[in-house]
Amino acid sequence: MPHFTTSDGLSLYYDDTGGSGPVVLCLSGLTRNATDFDYVRPHLKDARVIRMDYRGRGQSDWAEDFSTYSLPREAQDALELLDHLGLEKAAILGTSRGGLIALTLMDMAPDRITGVCFNDVGPVIETVGLEVILVFIGRNPIWSTLADAAEALATRLPGFHNVPDSRWAEEAVHHFVKTNTGLEINYDPKLRNAVLAEFDPKAPAGDMWPQFNKLKGRPLAVLRGENSDILSQETYTEMQSRAPMLAAEVKDRAHVPFLDEPESLHVLHQWIAQLPTGEPA
C-alpha cells in the first residue's frame, strides 16, 4: 500500500492508477476516504486517477494536533502528494470537502490546478446540511453489525431513492470498522473538534466565491444531487452563471452522488476530455 510522508511527519495513504491521460486527483468527503471513488474509478480509463486518504482518515496517520485537520493543511498535503509523484499540475475531482480543498488551492497554488469537477459542493455551504453533519461526525455508530449499518443507511438517509441494497452494503464497509464491541468510525474522532472550530453554524455563512472566480478559464464541472442539503439550487445556478462549466443534477440523490450514475458519468467524461494531458514536473 503506497504512502508518502508529509512535511510535518504524517504517513498518508494514496493510490495511483498510472496512465498517460490527464491527471485527476480525487479528493473525498469530510469524514470519508479514497473509497469514495471506488464506483467511478473503473469508468475513468482516459485519465490518470490518483486518490488519497486525508490525514486522520482511512489508511492515513492520525494527527496529534487536531487543528491540522483544516482546509489549508489538507490542501498542502495534496500539493505534497503531487510533489512526491513528480507532478507539476493536476485537475481535481472534489467530493464535498474535496471541492473546498480545490477552492483553497486557488489561493495557495492556482497555477497547479488545471481544472475542477465539484461533486455536490460549491462556494457556499448550506447551514442546514452542515448541522446534519454535526449530529454524527466523530461519533461511533449505534449499529452492531455492518448489515445493520447498511440497512440503516438505506432507510434513514433522506433524499436517496432507487439505490440497490448492495450499494449500501459497500458503503457500510467503506466507512465503518467491525470490532469486538460493535462498529467504529474509520477516522479520528477529533475531526469533530476541528470542524466545530472551522465552521460555526451559528455564525453568518461565509463563502468562497473569490476563490471560485479564479477558476474561470479552466475546464470546470459541477454535479448536484437533486435533493442536496449542502449545495443549494441557488449556488448551483450561480456557479454556472459565473464561469462556463459542465453541469448536471443527479436524480434520486442527495449529498453526495456516488459518481457512477449516468448523469455523473456523462459530465465526467466530457470534463476529462477538456483537460490538458499531465506532464511530469
Protein backbone atom coordinates (compact mmCIF):
# COMPACT_ATOMS: atom_id res chain seq x y z
CA MET A 1 0.00 0.00 0.00
CA PRO A 2 1.71 3.24 -1.10
CA HIS A 3 2.18 6.03 1.41
CA PHE A 4 4.09 9.31 1.42
CA THR A 5 5.32 11.37 4.35
CA THR A 6 4.11 14.94 4.79
CA SER A 7 6.35 17.84 5.77
CA ASP A 8 5.05 17.55 9.35
CA GLY A 9 5.77 13.83 9.54
CA LEU A 10 2.48 12.02 8.90
CA SER A 11 2.23 8.98 6.65
CA LEU A 12 -0.68 9.41 4.23
CA TYR A 13 -2.13 6.70 2.01
CA TYR A 14 -2.65 7.18 -1.73
CA ASP A 15 -3.05 5.14 -4.87
CA ASP A 16 -2.20 5.92 -8.47
CA THR A 17 -3.56 4.05 -11.47
CA GLY A 18 -0.89 5.49 -13.74
CA GLY A 19 -1.73 6.04 -17.38
CA SER A 20 -0.95 8.76 -19.87
CA GLY A 21 -4.21 10.70 -19.77
CA PRO A 22 -4.99 13.88 -17.85
CA VAL A 23 -4.00 13.76 -14.19
CA VAL A 24 -7.08 13.74 -11.94
CA LEU A 25 -6.56 13.97 -8.18
CA CYS A 26 -9.64 12.66 -6.39
CA LEU A 27 -10.34 14.31 -3.04
CA SER A 28 -13.05 12.81 -0.87
CA GLY A 29 -15.70 14.00 1.54
CA LEU A 30 -15.11 15.29 5.06
CA THR A 31 -15.21 12.04 7.05
CA ARG A 32 -14.59 9.80 4.08
CA ASN A 33 -11.62 8.39 2.19
CA ALA A 34 -10.36 7.17 -1.17
CA THR A 35 -13.14 4.59 -1.37
CA ASP A 36 -15.47 7.48 -2.28
CA PHE A 37 -14.19 6.90 -5.82
CA ASP A 38 -14.37 3.11 -5.98
CA TYR A 39 -17.56 3.25 -8.02
CA VAL A 40 -16.36 5.75 -10.61
CA ARG A 41 -12.71 4.78 -10.99
CA PRO A 42 -13.35 1.88 -13.44
CA HIS A 43 -15.14 4.34 -15.71
CA LEU A 44 -12.28 6.87 -15.86
CA LYS A 45 -9.96 4.90 -18.15
CA ASP A 46 -8.94 8.01 -20.10
CA ALA A 47 -7.34 9.66 -17.06
CA ARG A 48 -4.52 9.05 -14.62
CA VAL A 49 -6.57 8.74 -11.44
CA ILE A 50 -4.87 9.46 -8.10
CA ARG A 51 -6.67 9.13 -4.79
CA MET A 52 -5.57 9.93 -1.25
CA ASP A 53 -6.81 9.49 2.30
CA TYR A 54 -6.64 12.78 4.20
CA ARG A 55 -4.77 12.91 7.48
CA GLY A 56 -6.86 11.27 10.18
CA ARG A 57 -8.96 9.28 7.71
CA GLY A 58 -8.91 5.81 6.22
CA GLN A 59 -5.42 4.32 6.00
CA SER A 60 -3.57 7.54 6.83
CA ASP A 61 -1.98 8.54 10.15
CA TRP A 62 -3.96 10.47 12.72
CA ALA A 63 -2.53 13.84 13.75
CA GLU A 64 -1.71 14.59 17.37
CA ASP A 65 -2.90 18.17 16.84
CA PHE A 66 -6.49 18.11 15.57
CA SER A 67 -6.14 21.72 14.39
CA THR A 68 -4.21 20.34 11.39
CA TYR A 69 -7.47 18.82 10.16
CA SER A 70 -8.01 22.08 8.29
CA LEU A 71 -8.57 23.10 4.70
CA PRO A 72 -5.16 24.83 4.34
CA ARG A 73 -3.22 21.89 5.80
CA GLU A 74 -5.14 19.31 3.79
CA ALA A 75 -4.59 21.40 0.66
CA GLN A 76 -0.88 21.47 1.48
CA ASP A 77 -0.94 17.68 1.83
CA ALA A 78 -2.44 17.43 -1.66
CA LEU A 79 0.37 19.58 -3.06
CA GLU A 80 2.94 17.47 -1.27
CA LEU A 81 1.45 14.33 -2.80
CA LEU A 82 1.80 15.87 -6.27
CA ASP A 83 5.42 16.75 -5.42
CA HIS A 84 6.01 13.19 -4.23
CA LEU A 85 4.72 11.87 -7.57
CA GLY A 86 6.71 14.40 -9.58
CA LEU A 87 3.62 16.10 -10.94
CA GLU A 88 3.54 19.83 -11.53
CA LYS A 89 -0.22 20.08 -12.15
CA ALA A 90 -3.45 18.16 -11.74
CA ALA A 91 -7.18 18.53 -12.10
CA ILE A 92 -9.30 17.87 -9.03
CA LEU A 93 -12.43 15.78 -8.75
CA GLY A 94 -13.63 17.01 -5.39
CA THR A 95 -16.45 15.41 -3.45
CA SER A 96 -17.81 17.79 -0.79
CA ARG A 97 -14.71 18.61 1.35
CA GLY A 98 -12.59 17.86 -1.71
CA GLY A 99 -14.22 20.70 -3.62
CA LEU A 100 -13.48 23.10 -0.77
CA ILE A 101 -9.85 21.99 -0.84
CA ALA A 102 -9.78 22.73 -4.57
CA LEU A 103 -11.02 26.25 -3.85
CA THR A 104 -8.44 26.65 -1.08
CA LEU A 105 -5.72 25.72 -3.55
CA MET A 106 -6.76 28.65 -5.74
CA ASP A 107 -5.29 30.89 -3.03
CA MET A 108 -2.27 28.71 -2.35
CA ALA A 109 -1.14 27.39 -5.73
CA PRO A 110 -3.53 28.31 -8.55
CA ASP A 111 -1.03 27.51 -11.31
CA ARG A 112 -1.02 23.86 -10.28
CA ILE A 113 -4.75 23.31 -10.81
CA THR A 114 -5.77 22.52 -14.39
CA GLY A 115 -9.49 22.14 -13.73
CA VAL A 116 -12.08 21.16 -11.13
CA CYS A 117 -15.18 19.00 -11.03
CA PHE A 118 -17.27 19.76 -7.94
CA ASN A 119 -19.34 16.85 -6.61
CA ASP A 120 -22.26 18.32 -4.66
CA VAL A 121 -20.35 21.25 -3.26
CA GLY A 122 -19.78 24.87 -4.11
CA PRO A 123 -18.52 28.17 -2.73
CA VAL A 124 -21.43 28.36 -0.25
CA ILE A 125 -22.23 25.55 2.21
CA GLU A 126 -25.83 25.43 3.36
CA THR A 127 -26.16 25.69 7.14
CA VAL A 128 -28.94 23.11 7.30
CA GLY A 129 -26.69 20.50 5.71
CA LEU A 130 -23.78 21.36 7.96
CA GLU A 131 -25.98 20.97 11.04
CA VAL A 132 -26.92 17.46 9.90
CA ILE A 133 -23.23 16.56 9.55
CA LEU A 134 -22.50 17.87 13.04
CA VAL A 135 -25.02 15.43 14.52
CA PHE A 136 -22.95 12.35 13.67
CA ILE A 137 -19.39 13.46 12.98
CA GLY A 138 -16.80 11.99 15.33
CA ARG A 139 -19.26 9.57 16.93
CA ASN A 140 -19.32 5.81 16.58
CA PRO A 141 -22.50 4.34 15.10
CA ILE A 142 -25.12 2.67 17.26
CA TRP A 143 -25.34 -0.37 14.98
CA SER A 144 -23.52 -3.54 15.98
CA THR A 145 -23.06 -5.13 12.55
CA LEU A 146 -22.26 -3.98 9.03
CA ALA A 147 -25.58 -5.45 7.89
CA ASP A 148 -27.42 -3.28 10.42
CA ALA A 149 -25.46 -0.25 9.24
CA ALA A 150 -26.29 -0.94 5.61
CA GLU A 151 -29.99 -1.28 6.42
CA ALA A 152 -29.93 1.98 8.38
CA LEU A 153 -28.21 3.83 5.56
CA ALA A 154 -30.81 2.55 3.12
CA THR A 155 -33.77 3.61 5.26
CA ARG A 156 -32.57 6.70 7.14
CA LEU A 157 -30.64 8.79 4.62
CA PRO A 158 -33.14 11.29 3.22
CA GLY A 159 -33.10 12.16 -0.44
CA PHE A 160 -31.71 8.86 -1.79
CA HIS A 161 -34.00 6.67 -3.87
CA ASN A 162 -33.60 3.66 -6.14
CA VAL A 163 -30.26 2.66 -4.63
CA PRO A 164 -29.65 -1.12 -4.60
CA ASP A 165 -29.05 -2.77 -1.23
CA SER A 166 -25.65 -3.92 -2.46
CA ARG A 167 -24.51 -0.31 -2.70
CA TRP A 168 -25.43 0.41 0.91
CA ALA A 169 -23.57 -2.74 1.96
CA GLU A 170 -20.49 -1.40 0.17
CA GLU A 171 -20.89 1.97 1.83
CA ALA A 172 -21.03 0.37 5.27
CA VAL A 173 -17.75 -1.45 4.59
CA HIS A 174 -16.15 1.75 3.30
CA HIS A 175 -16.92 3.82 6.37
CA PHE A 176 -17.14 1.56 9.42
CA VAL A 177 -14.77 -0.90 11.10
CA LYS A 178 -16.08 -4.03 12.81
CA THR A 179 -14.69 -4.56 16.33
CA ASN A 180 -15.42 -6.93 19.20
CA THR A 181 -17.73 -4.33 20.72
CA GLY A 182 -19.54 -3.23 17.56
CA LEU A 183 -18.80 -0.79 14.77
CA GLU A 184 -16.44 2.15 14.88
CA ILE A 185 -15.81 5.04 12.50
CA ASN A 186 -12.63 4.73 10.43
CA TYR A 187 -11.38 8.24 11.06
CA ASP A 188 -10.08 10.24 14.01
CA PRO A 189 -12.99 11.27 16.29
CA LYS A 190 -11.15 14.55 16.93
CA LEU A 191 -12.18 15.60 13.43
CA ARG A 192 -15.35 16.76 15.19
CA ASN A 193 -13.34 19.26 17.24
CA ALA A 194 -11.64 20.54 14.11
CA VAL A 195 -14.91 21.04 12.23
CA LEU A 196 -16.52 22.82 15.15
CA ALA A 197 -13.55 25.19 15.22
CA GLU A 198 -13.55 25.69 11.45
CA PHE A 199 -17.28 26.08 10.79
CA ASP A 200 -19.59 27.75 13.27
CA PRO A 201 -23.19 27.02 12.20
CA LYS A 202 -24.41 29.88 14.40
CA ALA A 203 -22.19 32.42 12.65
CA PRO A 204 -23.14 34.18 9.41
CA ALA A 205 -22.41 31.93 6.46
CA GLY A 206 -19.18 32.71 4.66
CA ASP A 207 -18.43 31.91 1.08
CA MET A 208 -15.54 31.10 -1.24
CA TRP A 209 -16.70 32.99 -4.32
CA PRO A 210 -13.40 34.90 -4.64
CA GLN A 211 -11.53 31.59 -4.94
CA PHE A 212 -14.14 30.22 -7.34
CA ASN A 213 -13.83 33.27 -9.58
CA LYS A 214 -10.12 32.49 -10.06
CA LEU A 215 -11.07 29.21 -11.75
CA LYS A 216 -12.60 30.89 -14.78
CA GLY A 217 -10.91 29.76 -17.98
CA ARG A 218 -10.16 26.24 -16.74
CA PRO A 219 -12.28 23.16 -17.54
CA LEU A 220 -14.96 23.12 -14.86
CA ALA A 221 -17.91 20.92 -13.96
CA VAL A 222 -20.44 20.61 -11.17
CA LEU A 223 -22.69 17.75 -10.13
CA ARG A 224 -25.55 18.27 -7.71
CA GLY A 225 -27.72 15.67 -6.04
CA GLU A 226 -31.23 16.89 -6.80
CA ASN A 227 -32.11 16.55 -3.10
CA SER A 228 -28.89 18.02 -1.72
CA ASP A 229 -28.93 19.99 1.53
CA ILE A 230 -25.30 21.14 1.09
CA LEU A 231 -25.26 22.58 -2.44
CA SER A 232 -28.37 24.70 -2.94
CA GLN A 233 -30.09 25.20 -6.27
CA GLU A 234 -29.23 28.90 -5.96
CA THR A 235 -25.49 28.28 -5.56
CA TYR A 236 -25.53 25.61 -8.30
CA THR A 237 -27.09 28.11 -10.70
CA GLU A 238 -24.79 30.94 -9.64
CA MET A 239 -21.70 28.81 -10.30
CA GLN A 240 -22.81 28.31 -13.88
CA SER A 241 -23.51 32.00 -14.35
CA ARG A 242 -20.03 32.97 -13.17
CA ALA A 243 -18.00 30.59 -15.33
CA PRO A 244 -18.61 28.33 -18.32
CA MET A 245 -18.92 24.81 -16.96
CA LEU A 246 -20.49 21.43 -17.47
CA ALA A 247 -23.32 20.70 -15.05
CA ALA A 248 -25.91 18.10 -14.17
CA GLU A 249 -28.36 17.38 -11.39
CA VAL A 250 -28.32 13.74 -10.39
CA LYS A 251 -31.78 12.23 -9.95
CA ASP A 252 -32.66 10.39 -6.73
CA ARG A 253 -29.52 11.54 -4.98
CA ALA A 254 -28.83 13.85 -2.03
CA HIS A 255 -25.41 14.58 -0.52
CA VAL A 256 -23.46 13.05 -2.26
CA PRO A 257 -23.92 11.32 -5.63
CA PHE A 258 -21.92 8.12 -6.00
CA LEU A 259 -20.46 9.36 -9.33
CA ASP A 260 -21.35 6.28 -11.37
CA GLU A 261 -24.85 7.50 -12.17
CA PRO A 262 -25.47 8.12 -15.91
CA GLU A 263 -25.72 11.89 -15.37
CA SER A 264 -22.46 11.92 -13.42
CA LEU A 265 -20.53 9.84 -15.94
CA HIS A 266 -21.78 11.92 -18.85
CA VAL A 267 -20.38 15.09 -17.28
CA LEU A 268 -17.16 13.47 -16.09
CA HIS A 269 -16.27 12.07 -19.50
CA GLN A 270 -16.84 15.46 -21.14
CA TRP A 271 -14.83 17.22 -18.43
CA ILE A 272 -11.87 14.86 -18.70
CA ALA A 273 -11.84 15.30 -22.48
CA GLN A 274 -11.29 19.04 -21.93
CA LEU A 275 -8.37 18.63 -19.53
CA PRO A 276 -4.75 19.03 -20.62
CA THR A 277 -2.61 15.92 -20.51
CA GLY A 278 -0.46 15.95 -17.38
CA GLU A 279 3.31 16.13 -17.70
CA PRO A 280 5.94 15.29 -15.06
CA ALA A 281 7.43 18.23 -13.17
